[in-house]
Amino acid sequence: MNCMKDNTKIWIFGDSFASNHMPTAWPNLFPSEYDIKNYASNGSSEYRIWKNYKLHSNKISVDDIVIFVHTSPYRIFLQDSSSMSSRQLSSHTTCDLIFNDIFSKEEKPFLNILKTIWDDDYFLDIFELIVDDLLRVPNSMHFTFFDSQKIDNFYDIWQSNKGNINHMNENGNNIIFKKIQKHVN
């Protein structure tokens, strides 16, 4: 990553591990001179993260820094017009389907569809193709809180620092911020 220059922005795309707007959430720990553009949202599938990046990519300059917080390959894109119980939460109005939640919450409209169409290879391959495309974004850093061989994996930080701020406590958010700050500076 390049050192920060005047007018450099930090763009954040990802899931709920980056979307919290509490003051102690890691995206909000950057000093005020940083121009943070946080487009992460709770429950985002990798496809939604990719689409969101594509929507804003024409505004990202070559000196800007792009942070991707990748999600689970088992989170499936759902059109914004579709409804499910999780979308009734004000924090999750456009969340996507995550395989385990569909079964545990018995989201009947989706259970039969997923049982019919689910193919691990297909969903994992599509996820990998999207991640590969995002890995080519210049001046970007990538991490996840899920199992991954390609992306920095912060699963252990999350597990040892669980809380209500991006699924972590203040200590976990500080650890993540320090890791990101090393790349940014």
N, C-alpha and C. Protein backbone atom coordinates (compact mmCIF):
# COMPACT_ATOMS: atom_id res chain seq x y z
N MET A 1 0.84 -1.18 0.00
CA MET A 1 0.00 0.00 0.00
C MET A 1 0.88 1.24 0.00
N ASN A 2 0.39 2.25 -0.65
CA ASN A 2 1.10 3.53 -0.67
C ASN A 2 0.86 4.29 0.62
N CYS A 3 1.78 5.20 0.95
CA CYS A 3 1.53 6.09 2.08
C CYS A 3 0.40 7.03 1.71
N MET A 4 -0.30 7.50 2.70
CA MET A 4 -1.43 8.39 2.47
C MET A 4 -0.96 9.71 1.86
N LYS A 5 -1.67 10.19 0.86
CA LYS A 5 -1.43 11.49 0.26
C LYS A 5 -2.63 12.37 0.55
N ASP A 6 -2.45 13.68 0.41
CA ASP A 6 -3.59 14.57 0.58
C ASP A 6 -4.71 14.16 -0.35
N ASN A 7 -5.93 14.24 0.11
CA ASN A 7 -7.14 13.90 -0.64
C ASN A 7 -7.32 12.40 -0.89
N THR A 8 -6.48 11.57 -0.27
CA THR A 8 -6.65 10.13 -0.41
C THR A 8 -7.84 9.69 0.42
N LYS A 9 -8.64 8.84 -0.18
CA LYS A 9 -9.80 8.30 0.53
C LYS A 9 -9.53 6.83 0.86
N ILE A 10 -10.19 6.37 1.91
CA ILE A 10 -10.20 4.95 2.24
C ILE A 10 -11.62 4.47 2.01
N TRP A 11 -11.74 3.52 1.09
CA TRP A 11 -13.04 2.95 0.73
C TRP A 11 -13.15 1.59 1.39
N ILE A 12 -14.29 1.33 2.02
CA ILE A 12 -14.52 0.06 2.70
C ILE A 12 -15.76 -0.61 2.11
N PHE A 13 -15.58 -1.85 1.68
CA PHE A 13 -16.67 -2.66 1.16
C PHE A 13 -16.65 -3.98 1.92
N GLY A 14 -17.80 -4.42 2.39
CA GLY A 14 -17.80 -5.68 3.11
C GLY A 14 -19.12 -5.98 3.78
N ASP A 15 -19.03 -6.89 4.72
CA ASP A 15 -20.20 -7.35 5.46
C ASP A 15 -20.26 -6.68 6.83
N SER A 16 -20.98 -7.29 7.76
CA SER A 16 -21.21 -6.68 9.07
C SER A 16 -19.95 -6.52 9.90
N PHE A 17 -18.87 -7.21 9.58
CA PHE A 17 -17.62 -7.03 10.31
C PHE A 17 -17.00 -5.65 10.02
N ALA A 18 -17.57 -4.91 9.08
CA ALA A 18 -17.06 -3.57 8.75
C ALA A 18 -18.13 -2.50 8.77
N SER A 19 -19.39 -2.86 9.04
CA SER A 19 -20.47 -1.89 8.82
C SER A 19 -20.91 -1.12 10.06
N ASN A 20 -20.48 -1.50 11.22
CA ASN A 20 -20.96 -0.88 12.44
C ASN A 20 -20.55 0.59 12.52
N HIS A 21 -21.47 1.43 12.95
CA HIS A 21 -21.20 2.87 13.01
C HIS A 21 -20.96 3.37 14.43
N MET A 22 -20.75 2.45 15.37
CA MET A 22 -20.44 2.86 16.74
C MET A 22 -19.04 3.49 16.76
N PRO A 23 -18.80 4.44 17.63
CA PRO A 23 -17.50 5.13 17.66
C PRO A 23 -16.30 4.21 17.86
N THR A 24 -16.49 3.08 18.53
CA THR A 24 -15.36 2.18 18.80
C THR A 24 -15.22 1.06 17.76
N ALA A 25 -16.01 1.11 16.69
CA ALA A 25 -15.86 0.15 15.59
C ALA A 25 -14.59 0.51 14.82
N TRP A 26 -13.86 -0.49 14.35
CA TRP A 26 -12.56 -0.22 13.72
C TRP A 26 -12.63 0.78 12.57
N PRO A 27 -13.69 0.80 11.71
CA PRO A 27 -13.69 1.81 10.63
C PRO A 27 -13.76 3.24 11.15
N ASN A 28 -14.21 3.41 12.39
CA ASN A 28 -14.35 4.75 12.96
C ASN A 28 -13.17 5.15 13.83
N LEU A 29 -12.15 4.33 13.89
CA LEU A 29 -10.97 4.64 14.70
C LEU A 29 -9.91 5.43 13.92
N PHE A 30 -10.10 5.60 12.62
CA PHE A 30 -9.16 6.40 11.83
C PHE A 30 -9.26 7.85 12.29
N PRO A 31 -8.13 8.56 12.36
CA PRO A 31 -8.17 9.99 12.72
C PRO A 31 -9.03 10.77 11.73
N SER A 32 -9.50 11.91 12.16
CA SER A 32 -10.46 12.70 11.37
C SER A 32 -9.91 13.17 10.02
N GLU A 33 -8.59 13.22 9.86
CA GLU A 33 -8.05 13.67 8.57
C GLU A 33 -8.22 12.62 7.47
N TYR A 34 -8.58 11.41 7.83
CA TYR A 34 -8.84 10.38 6.83
C TYR A 34 -10.26 10.56 6.31
N ASP A 35 -10.41 10.45 5.01
CA ASP A 35 -11.73 10.54 4.38
C ASP A 35 -12.20 9.10 4.14
N ILE A 36 -13.04 8.61 5.05
CA ILE A 36 -13.50 7.23 5.02
C ILE A 36 -14.83 7.16 4.28
N LYS A 37 -14.90 6.26 3.32
CA LYS A 37 -16.13 5.98 2.58
C LYS A 37 -16.50 4.53 2.87
N ASN A 38 -17.40 4.32 3.82
CA ASN A 38 -17.74 2.97 4.24
C ASN A 38 -19.05 2.53 3.61
N TYR A 39 -18.95 1.56 2.71
CA TYR A 39 -20.12 1.01 2.02
C TYR A 39 -20.40 -0.43 2.43
N ALA A 40 -19.89 -0.84 3.56
CA ALA A 40 -20.18 -2.18 4.07
C ALA A 40 -21.61 -2.21 4.61
N SER A 41 -22.23 -3.37 4.54
CA SER A 41 -23.59 -3.50 5.08
C SER A 41 -23.79 -4.88 5.70
N ASN A 42 -24.61 -4.91 6.72
CA ASN A 42 -24.87 -6.15 7.44
C ASN A 42 -25.47 -7.20 6.51
N GLY A 43 -24.91 -8.40 6.60
CA GLY A 43 -25.46 -9.52 5.84
C GLY A 43 -25.14 -9.52 4.37
N SER A 44 -24.12 -8.80 3.95
CA SER A 44 -23.77 -8.76 2.52
C SER A 44 -23.15 -10.06 2.04
N SER A 45 -23.63 -10.54 0.92
CA SER A 45 -22.98 -11.67 0.25
C SER A 45 -21.76 -11.14 -0.49
N GLU A 46 -20.91 -12.05 -0.93
CA GLU A 46 -19.72 -11.63 -1.70
C GLU A 46 -20.15 -10.94 -3.00
N TYR A 47 -21.24 -11.43 -3.57
CA TYR A 47 -21.75 -10.80 -4.80
C TYR A 47 -22.19 -9.36 -4.52
N ARG A 48 -22.88 -9.12 -3.40
CA ARG A 48 -23.31 -7.76 -3.05
C ARG A 48 -22.10 -6.86 -2.80
N ILE A 49 -21.07 -7.40 -2.16
CA ILE A 49 -19.84 -6.63 -1.92
C ILE A 49 -19.22 -6.24 -3.26
N TRP A 50 -19.11 -7.20 -4.16
CA TRP A 50 -18.55 -6.96 -5.49
C TRP A 50 -19.37 -5.93 -6.26
N LYS A 51 -20.71 -6.09 -6.25
CA LYS A 51 -21.59 -5.14 -6.96
C LYS A 51 -21.46 -3.74 -6.37
N ASN A 52 -21.37 -3.65 -5.07
CA ASN A 52 -21.23 -2.36 -4.41
C ASN A 52 -19.91 -1.69 -4.80
N TYR A 53 -18.84 -2.49 -4.83
CA TYR A 53 -17.56 -1.95 -5.29
C TYR A 53 -17.68 -1.47 -6.74
N LYS A 54 -18.26 -2.27 -7.61
CA LYS A 54 -18.40 -1.89 -9.02
C LYS A 54 -19.21 -0.60 -9.16
N LEU A 55 -20.23 -0.43 -8.35
CA LEU A 55 -21.06 0.77 -8.37
C LEU A 55 -20.25 2.03 -8.07
N HIS A 56 -19.25 1.92 -7.19
CA HIS A 56 -18.47 3.08 -6.76
C HIS A 56 -17.07 3.15 -7.37
N SER A 57 -16.67 2.14 -8.11
CA SER A 57 -15.29 2.07 -8.59
C SER A 57 -14.87 3.25 -9.46
N ASN A 58 -15.80 3.85 -10.17
CA ASN A 58 -15.44 5.00 -11.03
C ASN A 58 -15.09 6.24 -10.21
N LYS A 59 -15.39 6.25 -8.92
CA LYS A 59 -15.06 7.39 -8.05
C LYS A 59 -13.76 7.17 -7.28
N ILE A 60 -13.18 5.99 -7.39
CA ILE A 60 -11.98 5.65 -6.63
C ILE A 60 -10.75 6.03 -7.45
N SER A 61 -9.90 6.87 -6.87
CA SER A 61 -8.69 7.30 -7.59
C SER A 61 -7.57 6.29 -7.36
N VAL A 62 -6.52 6.40 -8.17
CA VAL A 62 -5.40 5.46 -8.08
C VAL A 62 -4.66 5.56 -6.75
N ASP A 63 -4.74 6.71 -6.08
CA ASP A 63 -4.07 6.87 -4.79
C ASP A 63 -4.94 6.46 -3.61
N ASP A 64 -6.21 6.20 -3.85
CA ASP A 64 -7.10 5.79 -2.77
C ASP A 64 -6.77 4.37 -2.32
N ILE A 65 -7.20 4.06 -1.12
CA ILE A 65 -7.01 2.72 -0.55
C ILE A 65 -8.38 2.06 -0.47
N VAL A 66 -8.44 0.81 -0.87
CA VAL A 66 -9.70 0.07 -0.85
C VAL A 66 -9.53 -1.12 0.09
N ILE A 67 -10.45 -1.23 1.04
CA ILE A 67 -10.44 -2.33 2.00
C ILE A 67 -11.66 -3.21 1.73
N PHE A 68 -11.40 -4.49 1.54
CA PHE A 68 -12.47 -5.46 1.34
C PHE A 68 -12.53 -6.38 2.55
N VAL A 69 -13.70 -6.45 3.16
CA VAL A 69 -13.95 -7.40 4.23
C VAL A 69 -14.86 -8.47 3.63
N HIS A 70 -14.24 -9.59 3.28
CA HIS A 70 -14.95 -10.66 2.59
C HIS A 70 -15.82 -11.45 3.56
N THR A 71 -16.84 -12.07 3.02
CA THR A 71 -17.82 -12.77 3.84
C THR A 71 -17.74 -14.28 3.64
N SER A 72 -18.73 -14.96 4.11
CA SER A 72 -18.81 -16.42 3.97
C SER A 72 -19.23 -16.81 2.55
N PRO A 73 -18.64 -17.86 2.01
CA PRO A 73 -19.09 -18.33 0.70
C PRO A 73 -20.50 -18.90 0.75
N TYR A 74 -21.03 -19.10 1.94
CA TYR A 74 -22.36 -19.67 2.10
C TYR A 74 -23.42 -18.60 2.32
N ARG A 75 -23.08 -17.36 2.01
CA ARG A 75 -24.06 -16.28 2.02
C ARG A 75 -24.44 -16.02 0.56
N ILE A 76 -25.71 -16.08 0.27
CA ILE A 76 -26.22 -16.06 -1.10
C ILE A 76 -26.98 -14.77 -1.35
N PHE A 77 -26.69 -14.13 -2.46
CA PHE A 77 -27.35 -12.89 -2.84
C PHE A 77 -28.87 -13.09 -2.94
N LEU A 78 -29.60 -12.10 -2.45
CA LEU A 78 -31.06 -12.09 -2.53
C LEU A 78 -31.47 -10.71 -3.01
N GLN A 79 -32.29 -10.65 -4.02
CA GLN A 79 -32.72 -9.35 -4.55
C GLN A 79 -33.30 -8.49 -3.44
N ASP A 80 -33.09 -7.18 -3.55
CA ASP A 80 -33.54 -6.26 -2.52
C ASP A 80 -35.05 -6.29 -2.30
N SER A 81 -35.80 -6.61 -3.33
CA SER A 81 -37.26 -6.61 -3.23
C SER A 81 -37.80 -7.84 -2.49
N SER A 82 -36.97 -8.85 -2.26
CA SER A 82 -37.41 -10.07 -1.56
C SER A 82 -37.48 -9.81 -0.06
N SER A 83 -38.36 -10.53 0.60
CA SER A 83 -38.47 -10.35 2.05
C SER A 83 -38.16 -11.66 2.77
N MET A 84 -37.61 -11.51 3.96
CA MET A 84 -37.36 -12.62 4.87
C MET A 84 -37.29 -12.04 6.27
N SER A 85 -37.31 -12.88 7.28
CA SER A 85 -37.41 -12.39 8.66
C SER A 85 -36.25 -11.49 9.05
N SER A 86 -35.03 -11.80 8.62
CA SER A 86 -33.87 -10.97 8.99
C SER A 86 -33.98 -9.55 8.44
N ARG A 87 -34.64 -9.40 7.31
CA ARG A 87 -34.78 -8.07 6.70
C ARG A 87 -35.78 -7.19 7.43
N GLN A 88 -36.46 -7.73 8.41
CA GLN A 88 -37.36 -6.91 9.22
C GLN A 88 -36.59 -6.10 10.25
N LEU A 89 -35.32 -6.45 10.49
CA LEU A 89 -34.46 -5.67 11.38
C LEU A 89 -33.98 -4.43 10.64
N SER A 90 -34.04 -3.28 11.29
CA SER A 90 -33.62 -2.04 10.63
C SER A 90 -32.15 -2.06 10.22
N SER A 91 -31.35 -2.88 10.87
CA SER A 91 -29.93 -2.98 10.54
C SER A 91 -29.64 -3.95 9.39
N HIS A 92 -30.65 -4.69 8.92
CA HIS A 92 -30.43 -5.73 7.91
C HIS A 92 -31.43 -5.65 6.76
N THR A 93 -31.81 -4.47 6.37
CA THR A 93 -32.88 -4.32 5.37
C THR A 93 -32.53 -4.90 4.00
N THR A 94 -31.26 -5.03 3.68
CA THR A 94 -30.86 -5.62 2.40
C THR A 94 -29.91 -6.80 2.60
N CYS A 95 -30.04 -7.49 3.74
CA CYS A 95 -29.12 -8.60 3.96
C CYS A 95 -29.43 -9.75 2.99
N ASP A 96 -28.43 -10.56 2.79
CA ASP A 96 -28.56 -11.71 1.91
C ASP A 96 -28.76 -12.97 2.75
N LEU A 97 -29.01 -14.08 2.09
CA LEU A 97 -29.26 -15.34 2.76
C LEU A 97 -27.95 -15.99 3.20
N ILE A 98 -27.91 -16.46 4.43
CA ILE A 98 -26.79 -17.31 4.82
C ILE A 98 -27.37 -18.68 5.10
N PHE A 99 -26.76 -19.66 4.51
CA PHE A 99 -27.30 -21.02 4.47
C PHE A 99 -27.81 -21.49 5.84
N ASN A 100 -27.00 -21.39 6.88
CA ASN A 100 -27.39 -21.90 8.20
C ASN A 100 -28.60 -21.17 8.78
N ASP A 101 -28.70 -19.85 8.57
CA ASP A 101 -29.84 -19.09 9.09
C ASP A 101 -31.15 -19.53 8.45
N ILE A 102 -31.10 -19.85 7.18
CA ILE A 102 -32.31 -20.26 6.47
C ILE A 102 -32.90 -21.51 7.13
N PHE A 103 -32.04 -22.43 7.50
CA PHE A 103 -32.52 -23.65 8.15
C PHE A 103 -32.90 -23.41 9.60
N SER A 104 -32.09 -22.65 10.34
CA SER A 104 -32.41 -22.45 11.77
C SER A 104 -33.65 -21.58 11.97
N LYS A 105 -33.89 -20.62 11.08
CA LYS A 105 -35.07 -19.75 11.18
C LYS A 105 -36.25 -20.29 10.39
N GLU A 106 -36.04 -21.43 9.76
CA GLU A 106 -37.08 -22.07 8.96
C GLU A 106 -37.76 -21.09 7.99
N GLU A 107 -36.95 -20.45 7.20
CA GLU A 107 -37.43 -19.53 6.16
C GLU A 107 -38.01 -20.39 5.03
N LYS A 108 -39.24 -20.79 5.20
CA LYS A 108 -39.87 -21.78 4.31
C LYS A 108 -39.79 -21.45 2.81
N PRO A 109 -39.97 -20.17 2.41
CA PRO A 109 -39.89 -19.91 0.96
C PRO A 109 -38.52 -20.25 0.37
N PHE A 110 -37.48 -20.19 1.20
CA PHE A 110 -36.13 -20.42 0.69
C PHE A 110 -35.63 -21.84 0.95
N LEU A 111 -36.20 -22.52 1.95
CA LEU A 111 -35.75 -23.88 2.27
C LEU A 111 -35.85 -24.82 1.08
N ASN A 112 -37.01 -24.86 0.47
CA ASN A 112 -37.19 -25.78 -0.67
C ASN A 112 -36.32 -25.41 -1.85
N ILE A 113 -36.18 -24.12 -2.11
CA ILE A 113 -35.32 -23.69 -3.21
C ILE A 113 -33.88 -24.12 -2.97
N LEU A 114 -33.37 -23.84 -1.77
CA LEU A 114 -31.99 -24.19 -1.48
C LEU A 114 -31.77 -25.70 -1.48
N LYS A 115 -32.72 -26.44 -0.95
CA LYS A 115 -32.58 -27.90 -0.97
C LYS A 115 -32.53 -28.41 -2.40
N THR A 116 -33.25 -27.73 -3.30
CA THR A 116 -33.32 -28.16 -4.69
C THR A 116 -32.07 -27.76 -5.48
N ILE A 117 -31.58 -26.54 -5.28
CA ILE A 117 -30.51 -26.03 -6.15
C ILE A 117 -29.11 -26.08 -5.54
N TRP A 118 -29.00 -26.33 -4.24
CA TRP A 118 -27.69 -26.19 -3.61
C TRP A 118 -26.67 -27.15 -4.21
N ASP A 119 -25.53 -26.59 -4.56
CA ASP A 119 -24.40 -27.36 -5.06
C ASP A 119 -23.15 -26.69 -4.51
N ASP A 120 -22.47 -27.33 -3.56
CA ASP A 120 -21.29 -26.74 -2.92
C ASP A 120 -20.27 -26.24 -3.93
N ASP A 121 -19.96 -27.07 -4.92
CA ASP A 121 -18.95 -26.69 -5.91
C ASP A 121 -19.33 -25.39 -6.63
N TYR A 122 -20.58 -25.30 -7.05
CA TYR A 122 -21.03 -24.11 -7.77
C TYR A 122 -20.87 -22.86 -6.90
N PHE A 123 -21.41 -22.88 -5.69
CA PHE A 123 -21.37 -21.69 -4.85
C PHE A 123 -19.94 -21.33 -4.43
N LEU A 124 -19.13 -22.33 -4.16
CA LEU A 124 -17.73 -22.06 -3.80
C LEU A 124 -16.95 -21.52 -5.01
N ASP A 125 -17.20 -22.06 -6.19
CA ASP A 125 -16.53 -21.58 -7.40
C ASP A 125 -16.91 -20.13 -7.71
N ILE A 126 -18.18 -19.80 -7.61
CA ILE A 126 -18.63 -18.43 -7.87
C ILE A 126 -18.01 -17.48 -6.86
N PHE A 127 -18.00 -17.88 -5.60
CA PHE A 127 -17.38 -17.08 -4.55
C PHE A 127 -15.91 -16.82 -4.89
N GLU A 128 -15.19 -17.86 -5.25
CA GLU A 128 -13.76 -17.73 -5.59
C GLU A 128 -13.53 -16.82 -6.79
N LEU A 129 -14.39 -16.92 -7.79
CA LEU A 129 -14.26 -16.04 -8.96
C LEU A 129 -14.43 -14.57 -8.57
N ILE A 130 -15.37 -14.29 -7.72
CA ILE A 130 -15.60 -12.91 -7.28
C ILE A 130 -14.40 -12.43 -6.45
N VAL A 131 -13.95 -13.26 -5.52
CA VAL A 131 -12.78 -12.89 -4.70
C VAL A 131 -11.57 -12.65 -5.60
N ASP A 132 -11.33 -13.51 -6.56
CA ASP A 132 -10.20 -13.34 -7.49
C ASP A 132 -10.28 -12.00 -8.21
N ASP A 133 -11.47 -11.61 -8.62
CA ASP A 133 -11.63 -10.33 -9.30
C ASP A 133 -11.30 -9.18 -8.34
N LEU A 134 -11.78 -9.26 -7.12
CA LEU A 134 -11.52 -8.18 -6.16
C LEU A 134 -10.06 -8.13 -5.74
N LEU A 135 -9.38 -9.26 -5.74
CA LEU A 135 -7.95 -9.27 -5.39
C LEU A 135 -7.11 -8.49 -6.41
N ARG A 136 -7.65 -8.26 -7.60
CA ARG A 136 -6.94 -7.50 -8.63
C ARG A 136 -7.12 -5.99 -8.49
N VAL A 137 -7.94 -5.55 -7.55
CA VAL A 137 -8.15 -4.12 -7.37
C VAL A 137 -6.85 -3.49 -6.86
N PRO A 138 -6.35 -2.46 -7.56
CA PRO A 138 -5.10 -1.82 -7.13
C PRO A 138 -5.24 -1.18 -5.75
N ASN A 139 -4.14 -1.18 -5.02
CA ASN A 139 -4.05 -0.50 -3.73
C ASN A 139 -5.14 -0.97 -2.76
N SER A 140 -5.34 -2.28 -2.72
CA SER A 140 -6.39 -2.82 -1.87
C SER A 140 -5.83 -3.80 -0.86
N MET A 141 -6.55 -3.94 0.24
CA MET A 141 -6.24 -4.97 1.22
C MET A 141 -7.49 -5.80 1.43
N HIS A 142 -7.28 -7.05 1.81
CA HIS A 142 -8.38 -8.01 1.88
C HIS A 142 -8.26 -8.83 3.16
N PHE A 143 -9.37 -9.00 3.84
CA PHE A 143 -9.39 -9.92 4.97
C PHE A 143 -10.80 -10.43 5.18
N THR A 144 -10.88 -11.46 6.01
CA THR A 144 -12.16 -12.09 6.32
C THR A 144 -12.13 -12.60 7.74
N PHE A 145 -13.29 -12.88 8.27
CA PHE A 145 -13.41 -13.49 9.58
C PHE A 145 -13.89 -14.93 9.45
N PHE A 146 -13.89 -15.42 8.21
CA PHE A 146 -14.28 -16.79 7.90
C PHE A 146 -13.06 -17.55 7.41
N ASP A 147 -13.17 -18.86 7.31
CA ASP A 147 -12.07 -19.69 6.86
C ASP A 147 -11.69 -19.34 5.42
N SER A 148 -10.41 -19.12 5.18
CA SER A 148 -9.94 -18.78 3.84
C SER A 148 -8.46 -19.09 3.70
N GLN A 149 -8.09 -19.57 2.53
CA GLN A 149 -6.68 -19.81 2.22
C GLN A 149 -6.08 -18.64 1.44
N LYS A 150 -6.92 -17.84 0.77
CA LYS A 150 -6.45 -16.76 -0.10
C LYS A 150 -6.36 -15.41 0.60
N ILE A 151 -7.16 -15.22 1.61
CA ILE A 151 -7.34 -13.90 2.22
C ILE A 151 -6.89 -13.97 3.67
N ASP A 152 -6.31 -12.86 4.18
CA ASP A 152 -5.97 -12.82 5.60
C ASP A 152 -7.20 -13.18 6.41
N ASN A 153 -7.02 -14.11 7.32
CA ASN A 153 -8.13 -14.65 8.09
C ASN A 153 -8.02 -14.16 9.54
N PHE A 154 -9.01 -13.40 9.99
CA PHE A 154 -9.03 -12.87 11.35
C PHE A 154 -10.03 -13.60 12.24
N TYR A 155 -10.33 -14.83 11.88
CA TYR A 155 -11.29 -15.64 12.63
C TYR A 155 -10.90 -15.74 14.11
N ASP A 156 -9.62 -16.00 14.39
CA ASP A 156 -9.18 -16.16 15.78
C ASP A 156 -9.33 -14.87 16.58
N ILE A 157 -9.10 -13.73 15.93
CA ILE A 157 -9.29 -12.45 16.63
C ILE A 157 -10.75 -12.29 17.01
N TRP A 158 -11.64 -12.60 16.08
CA TRP A 158 -13.07 -12.52 16.36
C TRP A 158 -13.46 -13.46 17.50
N GLN A 159 -13.02 -14.72 17.40
CA GLN A 159 -13.41 -15.71 18.40
C GLN A 159 -12.93 -15.38 19.81
N SER A 160 -11.76 -14.75 19.91
CA SER A 160 -11.22 -14.43 21.24
C SER A 160 -11.63 -13.03 21.71
N ASN A 161 -12.40 -12.31 20.91
CA ASN A 161 -12.82 -10.95 21.28
C ASN A 161 -14.27 -10.70 20.89
N LYS A 162 -15.15 -11.65 21.13
CA LYS A 162 -16.55 -11.51 20.73
C LYS A 162 -17.22 -10.36 21.48
N GLY A 163 -18.09 -9.66 20.75
CA GLY A 163 -18.82 -8.55 21.35
C GLY A 163 -19.88 -8.02 20.40
N ASN A 164 -20.36 -6.81 20.66
CA ASN A 164 -21.47 -6.23 19.90
C ASN A 164 -21.06 -5.13 18.93
N ILE A 165 -19.77 -4.95 18.71
CA ILE A 165 -19.28 -3.93 17.79
C ILE A 165 -18.59 -4.68 16.64
N ASN A 166 -19.25 -4.77 15.50
CA ASN A 166 -18.73 -5.58 14.39
C ASN A 166 -18.49 -7.01 14.85
N HIS A 167 -19.33 -7.52 15.71
CA HIS A 167 -19.24 -8.88 16.28
C HIS A 167 -18.07 -9.04 17.23
N MET A 168 -17.38 -7.94 17.56
CA MET A 168 -16.22 -8.01 18.47
C MET A 168 -16.39 -6.99 19.59
N ASN A 169 -15.53 -7.14 20.59
CA ASN A 169 -15.48 -6.13 21.66
C ASN A 169 -14.51 -5.02 21.24
N GLU A 170 -14.32 -4.03 22.10
CA GLU A 170 -13.42 -2.91 21.76
C GLU A 170 -12.01 -3.38 21.49
N ASN A 171 -11.53 -4.35 22.27
CA ASN A 171 -10.17 -4.86 22.07
C ASN A 171 -10.03 -5.48 20.68
N GLY A 172 -11.00 -6.28 20.26
CA GLY A 172 -10.95 -6.89 18.93
C GLY A 172 -10.94 -5.84 17.83
N ASN A 173 -11.76 -4.79 17.99
CA ASN A 173 -11.78 -3.71 17.00
C ASN A 173 -10.45 -2.97 16.97
N ASN A 174 -9.82 -2.78 18.12
CA ASN A 174 -8.50 -2.12 18.16
C ASN A 174 -7.44 -2.97 17.48
N ILE A 175 -7.48 -4.28 17.69
CA ILE A 175 -6.51 -5.17 17.04
C ILE A 175 -6.66 -5.09 15.52
N ILE A 176 -7.90 -5.16 15.04
CA ILE A 176 -8.15 -5.08 13.59
C ILE A 176 -7.69 -3.73 13.06
N PHE A 177 -8.03 -2.66 13.75
CA PHE A 177 -7.63 -1.32 13.31
C PHE A 177 -6.11 -1.21 13.18
N LYS A 178 -5.38 -1.73 14.15
CA LYS A 178 -3.90 -1.65 14.11
C LYS A 178 -3.34 -2.43 12.93
N LYS A 179 -3.94 -3.59 12.64
CA LYS A 179 -3.50 -4.35 11.47
C LYS A 179 -3.74 -3.58 10.17
N ILE A 180 -4.90 -2.94 10.07
CA ILE A 180 -5.24 -2.16 8.88
C ILE A 180 -4.34 -0.93 8.79
N GLN A 181 -4.13 -0.27 9.91
CA GLN A 181 -3.33 0.95 9.94
C GLN A 181 -1.90 0.69 9.45
N LYS A 182 -1.34 -0.48 9.75
CA LYS A 182 -0.01 -0.83 9.25
C LYS A 182 0.02 -0.82 7.74
N HIS A 183 -1.04 -1.36 7.11
CA HIS A 183 -1.11 -1.40 5.64
C HIS A 183 -1.33 -0.01 5.08
N VAL A 184 -2.17 0.77 5.73
CA VAL A 184 -2.52 2.10 5.23
C VAL A 184 -1.31 3.02 5.27
N ASN A 185 -0.54 2.94 6.34
CA ASN A 185 0.62 3.83 6.49
C ASN A 185 1.85 3.25 5.84
